[in-house]
């Protein structure tokens, strides 16, 4: 018997697509479980997700209120890969979930500080370095020798005392010369190894990576440690508010599911 929700069939292909979407997430989330146990969880969660998505869409599409003038046309211009029907469903679901969560209060300062206090491991930061760079790109049309000569001229200018930021703004092929703080594994190895080896204020020689030629300067090092409350309070507030919204939508889905006619013969073996 096929899986149906209020008479609407959820196809096997849709379920398998949902399973494929969940598989990498759940394998990371449950590394100590056997592959068989994780696969069984994936199948069950995929069915639940598919059922809930249909319930939410069915309710959103049953709302007789039309979309705002021009909303569908604007959405179509932003996303041309979806059909008008898919776009309308997406917009109606967004409107429904927005209404469901409209009266939720954002987290209070005490909730935010309590979360920070109770979850110290979430805010541990590895050693990081902040660096800026000057980049001259190498592409198929570029002459590597000519680009290298440009970089050598830039290096000579810096060695004569030119301001790094001013030179970067004038000649770099990367509009964002200040790369901010980054940890190990976030940059290509050739770049990362030099950045972590330099002291603040030191500049490198010319480095070649897959992106081209770089000269970098280190602005600061940040040792491993816990990030400060001020650094993370906005992210915590956003996380807690998202949790509230998800709980509200899940409560609504529980109500829809209790009233729905769901015909389900169970997960496939």
Protein backbone atom coordinates (compact mmCIF):
# COMPACT_ATOMS: atom_id res chain seq x y z
CA UNK A 1 0.00 0.00 0.00
CA UNK A 2 1.43 3.40 -0.93
CA UNK A 3 2.00 6.10 1.67
CA UNK A 4 -0.83 8.64 1.38
CA UNK A 5 -1.68 11.79 3.32
CA UNK A 6 -5.31 12.87 3.03
CA UNK A 7 -5.49 10.95 -0.22
CA UNK A 8 -2.28 12.40 -1.66
CA UNK A 9 0.38 9.82 -2.46
CA UNK A 10 4.01 10.27 -1.46
CA UNK A 11 6.01 8.39 -4.05
CA UNK A 12 8.89 6.04 -3.43
CA UNK A 13 11.15 8.42 -5.38
CA UNK A 14 10.25 11.28 -3.02
CA UNK A 15 11.07 9.14 0.00
CA UNK A 16 14.39 8.06 -1.43
CA UNK A 17 15.26 11.69 -2.20
CA UNK A 18 14.51 12.64 1.40
CA UNK A 19 16.62 9.72 2.64
CA UNK A 20 19.54 10.87 0.49
CA UNK A 21 19.21 14.35 1.96
CA UNK A 22 19.20 13.03 5.54
CA UNK A 23 21.90 10.38 5.18
CA UNK A 24 25.06 12.53 5.57
CA UNK A 25 23.52 14.54 8.41
CA UNK A 26 22.50 11.49 10.44
CA UNK A 27 25.73 9.63 9.83
CA UNK A 28 27.59 12.62 11.30
CA UNK A 29 25.09 12.92 14.17
CA UNK A 30 25.28 9.23 15.19
CA UNK A 31 28.87 8.15 14.54
CA UNK A 32 28.79 5.40 17.18
CA UNK A 33 25.68 3.66 15.88
CA UNK A 34 25.93 0.78 13.45
CA UNK A 35 25.28 1.50 9.81
CA UNK A 36 22.13 -0.64 9.99
CA UNK A 37 20.77 1.37 12.93
CA UNK A 38 21.50 4.67 11.20
CA UNK A 39 19.85 3.48 7.99
CA UNK A 40 16.73 2.43 9.90
CA UNK A 41 16.60 5.87 11.51
CA UNK A 42 17.03 7.53 8.11
CA UNK A 43 14.07 5.61 6.66
CA UNK A 44 11.80 6.53 9.56
CA UNK A 45 12.80 10.19 9.63
CA UNK A 46 12.42 10.48 5.87
CA UNK A 47 8.83 9.24 6.09
CA UNK A 48 8.02 11.62 8.93
CA UNK A 49 9.59 14.58 7.11
CA UNK A 50 7.72 13.78 3.89
CA UNK A 51 4.39 13.44 5.71
CA UNK A 52 4.86 16.71 7.58
CA UNK A 53 5.91 18.55 4.43
CA UNK A 54 2.72 17.41 2.67
CA UNK A 55 0.54 18.35 5.65
CA UNK A 56 2.05 21.83 5.79
CA UNK A 57 1.67 22.33 2.04
CA UNK A 58 -1.91 21.09 2.04
CA UNK A 59 -2.90 23.54 4.75
CA UNK A 60 -1.01 26.41 3.12
CA UNK A 61 -2.67 25.77 -0.26
CA UNK A 62 -6.13 25.52 1.33
CA UNK A 63 -5.89 29.14 2.51
CA UNK A 64 -8.23 31.10 0.18
CA UNK A 65 -6.34 34.37 0.67
CA UNK A 66 -4.36 35.18 -2.49
CA UNK A 67 -0.67 35.96 -2.39
CA UNK A 68 0.40 39.59 -2.33
CA UNK A 69 0.42 41.30 -5.72
CA UNK A 70 3.66 40.64 -7.57
CA UNK A 71 4.96 38.10 -5.04
CA UNK A 72 4.89 35.17 -7.44
CA UNK A 73 6.49 37.15 -10.26
CA UNK A 74 9.28 38.36 -7.98
CA UNK A 75 9.90 34.82 -6.71
CA UNK A 76 10.00 33.53 -10.28
CA UNK A 77 12.72 36.02 -11.18
CA UNK A 78 14.79 34.96 -8.16
CA UNK A 79 14.38 31.23 -8.77
CA UNK A 80 13.76 30.07 -12.31
CA UNK A 81 14.35 26.38 -11.54
CA UNK A 82 10.92 25.93 -9.90
CA UNK A 83 7.56 25.81 -11.66
CA UNK A 84 4.92 28.47 -10.88
CA UNK A 85 3.00 25.84 -8.89
CA UNK A 86 6.06 24.98 -6.80
CA UNK A 87 6.83 28.63 -6.21
CA UNK A 88 3.28 29.36 -5.12
CA UNK A 89 3.38 26.46 -2.66
CA UNK A 90 6.71 27.68 -1.31
CA UNK A 91 5.41 31.22 -0.81
CA UNK A 92 2.21 30.02 0.84
CA UNK A 93 4.14 27.76 3.23
CA UNK A 94 6.44 30.66 4.13
CA UNK A 95 3.37 32.81 4.84
CA UNK A 96 1.81 30.10 6.97
CA UNK A 97 4.92 29.48 9.07
CA UNK A 98 5.45 33.22 9.46
CA UNK A 99 1.94 33.58 10.85
CA UNK A 100 2.37 30.61 13.17
CA UNK A 101 5.48 32.15 14.73
CA UNK A 102 4.54 35.84 14.53
CA UNK A 103 3.60 36.21 18.21
CA UNK A 104 6.64 34.43 19.64
CA UNK A 105 8.77 36.61 21.88
CA UNK A 106 12.52 36.68 21.24
CA UNK A 107 14.69 35.11 23.94
CA UNK A 108 15.29 37.20 27.04
CA UNK A 109 18.83 38.25 28.01
CA UNK A 110 18.72 35.81 30.94
CA UNK A 111 17.92 32.90 28.59
CA UNK A 112 20.85 33.85 26.38
CA UNK A 113 23.34 34.13 29.25
CA UNK A 114 22.07 30.86 30.77
CA UNK A 115 22.61 29.04 27.48
CA UNK A 116 26.16 30.38 27.33
CA UNK A 117 26.81 29.23 30.92
CA UNK A 118 25.34 25.75 30.43
CA UNK A 119 26.97 24.92 27.08
CA UNK A 120 30.65 25.89 27.45
CA UNK A 121 31.87 23.27 24.98
CA UNK A 122 29.91 24.88 22.14
CA UNK A 123 31.97 28.04 22.34
CA UNK A 124 35.48 26.64 22.39
CA UNK A 125 37.59 28.16 19.65
CA UNK A 126 40.78 26.61 18.19
CA UNK A 127 43.91 28.70 17.60
CA UNK A 128 43.20 31.24 14.89
CA UNK A 129 45.08 33.81 12.88
CA UNK A 130 43.92 36.99 11.23
CA UNK A 131 45.66 37.83 7.99
CA UNK A 132 45.37 40.09 4.99
CA UNK A 133 46.69 39.33 1.55
CA UNK A 134 47.41 40.72 -1.87
CA UNK A 135 46.42 38.37 -4.67
CA UNK A 136 47.23 38.32 -8.36
CA UNK A 137 45.16 35.59 -9.97
CA UNK A 138 46.37 33.02 -12.44
CA UNK A 139 43.89 31.95 -15.07
CA UNK A 140 44.16 30.24 -18.44
CA UNK A 141 44.96 33.51 -20.21
CA UNK A 142 47.55 34.73 -17.69
CA UNK A 143 51.29 34.42 -18.24
CA UNK A 144 52.65 33.04 -14.93
CA UNK A 145 56.01 34.70 -15.45
CA UNK A 146 54.45 38.10 -16.10
CA UNK A 147 52.20 37.76 -13.04
CA UNK A 148 55.19 36.77 -10.92
CA UNK A 149 57.05 39.86 -12.09
CA UNK A 150 54.07 41.99 -11.03
CA UNK A 151 54.17 40.39 -7.59
CA UNK A 152 57.92 40.98 -7.31
CA UNK A 153 57.35 44.66 -8.02
CA UNK A 154 54.61 44.75 -5.36
CA UNK A 155 56.90 43.00 -2.87
CA UNK A 156 59.64 45.58 -3.54
CA UNK A 157 57.16 48.38 -2.91
CA UNK A 158 56.16 46.85 0.42
CA UNK A 159 59.79 46.37 1.43
CA UNK A 160 60.33 50.09 0.85
CA UNK A 161 57.69 50.86 3.48
CA UNK A 162 54.45 51.14 1.51
CA UNK A 163 51.27 50.59 3.52
CA UNK A 164 50.01 47.02 3.00
CA UNK A 165 46.30 47.92 3.09
CA UNK A 166 46.76 50.78 0.62
CA UNK A 167 48.72 48.60 -1.80
CA UNK A 168 46.16 45.79 -1.48
CA UNK A 169 43.29 48.16 -2.23
CA UNK A 170 45.09 49.39 -5.32
CA UNK A 171 46.46 46.22 -6.92
CA UNK A 172 44.93 43.07 -5.39
CA UNK A 173 42.59 40.91 -7.44
CA UNK A 174 40.69 40.09 -4.24
CA UNK A 175 38.44 42.93 -3.12
CA UNK A 176 38.51 41.55 0.46
CA UNK A 177 42.17 41.84 1.40
CA UNK A 178 41.49 41.39 5.15
CA UNK A 179 40.51 37.73 5.51
CA UNK A 180 39.54 38.02 9.18
CA UNK A 181 40.27 35.23 11.66
CA UNK A 182 40.52 31.66 10.36
CA UNK A 183 41.55 28.33 11.83
CA UNK A 184 43.48 25.43 10.46
CA UNK A 185 41.81 23.66 7.58
CA UNK A 186 39.98 26.74 6.31
CA UNK A 187 42.61 27.91 3.82
CA UNK A 188 44.70 26.06 1.26
CA UNK A 189 47.73 24.41 2.95
CA UNK A 190 50.38 26.60 1.30
CA UNK A 191 48.67 29.75 2.57
CA UNK A 192 47.73 28.40 6.01
CA UNK A 193 51.18 27.11 6.92
CA UNK A 194 52.78 30.50 6.27
CA UNK A 195 50.05 32.46 8.06
CA UNK A 196 50.37 30.42 11.26
CA UNK A 197 54.19 30.64 11.17
CA UNK A 198 54.36 34.44 10.99
CA UNK A 199 54.17 36.79 13.97
CA UNK A 200 51.76 39.77 14.00
CA UNK A 201 53.14 42.51 11.80
CA UNK A 202 55.24 40.16 9.70
CA UNK A 203 54.68 39.74 5.97
CA UNK A 204 55.46 36.76 3.82
CA UNK A 205 57.33 36.36 0.64
CA UNK A 206 55.50 35.47 -2.55
CA UNK A 207 53.35 32.35 -2.17
CA UNK A 208 51.84 30.38 -5.03
CA UNK A 209 48.56 28.51 -4.56
CA UNK A 210 45.88 27.19 -6.88
CA UNK A 211 44.38 30.70 -6.91
CA UNK A 212 47.50 32.55 -7.98
CA UNK A 213 50.30 34.48 -6.27
CA UNK A 214 49.85 35.93 -2.79
CA UNK A 215 51.71 38.11 -0.34
CA UNK A 216 50.19 38.00 3.12
CA UNK A 217 50.63 39.87 6.35
CA UNK A 218 49.56 38.64 9.77
CA UNK A 219 47.47 41.05 11.80
CA UNK A 220 46.89 39.02 14.97
CA UNK A 221 46.90 35.58 16.52
CA UNK A 222 44.11 34.32 18.77
CA UNK A 223 45.00 31.42 21.08
CA UNK A 224 42.64 28.53 21.68
CA UNK A 225 40.01 29.27 24.28
CA UNK A 226 36.39 29.98 24.96
CA UNK A 227 34.80 32.73 22.90
CA UNK A 228 33.50 35.63 24.97
CA UNK A 229 29.81 36.11 25.66
CA UNK A 230 29.79 39.36 23.68
CA UNK A 231 31.17 37.51 20.65
CA UNK A 232 28.45 34.87 20.63
CA UNK A 233 25.38 36.43 22.27
CA UNK A 234 23.75 37.40 18.97
CA UNK A 235 24.30 33.90 17.55
CA UNK A 236 22.84 32.35 20.71
CA UNK A 237 19.79 34.62 20.51
CA UNK A 238 19.26 33.61 16.88
CA UNK A 239 19.65 29.92 17.75
CA UNK A 240 17.20 30.08 20.66
CA UNK A 241 14.64 32.00 18.62
CA UNK A 242 14.91 29.44 15.81
CA UNK A 243 14.32 26.68 18.36
CA UNK A 244 11.15 28.42 19.53
CA UNK A 245 9.92 28.74 15.97
CA UNK A 246 10.63 25.07 15.22
CA UNK A 247 8.79 23.97 18.37
CA UNK A 248 5.78 26.08 17.43
CA UNK A 249 5.65 24.61 13.93
CA UNK A 250 6.13 21.08 15.30
CA UNK A 251 3.20 21.60 17.70
CA UNK A 252 1.06 22.71 14.78
CA UNK A 253 2.15 19.72 12.73
CA UNK A 254 1.22 17.40 15.60
CA UNK A 255 -2.28 18.89 15.49
CA UNK A 256 -2.52 18.46 11.72
CA UNK A 257 -1.22 14.92 11.91
CA UNK A 258 -3.78 13.96 14.58
CA UNK A 259 -6.61 15.05 12.26
CA UNK A 260 -5.13 13.71 9.03
CA UNK A 261 -5.99 10.53 7.15
CA UNK A 262 -2.56 8.90 6.80
CA UNK A 263 -2.36 5.50 5.15
CA UNK A 264 1.10 4.07 5.80
CA UNK A 265 2.12 0.45 5.54
CA UNK A 266 5.39 1.26 7.28
CA UNK A 267 9.03 1.66 6.25
CA UNK A 268 10.37 -0.47 3.44
CA UNK A 269 12.60 -3.36 4.52
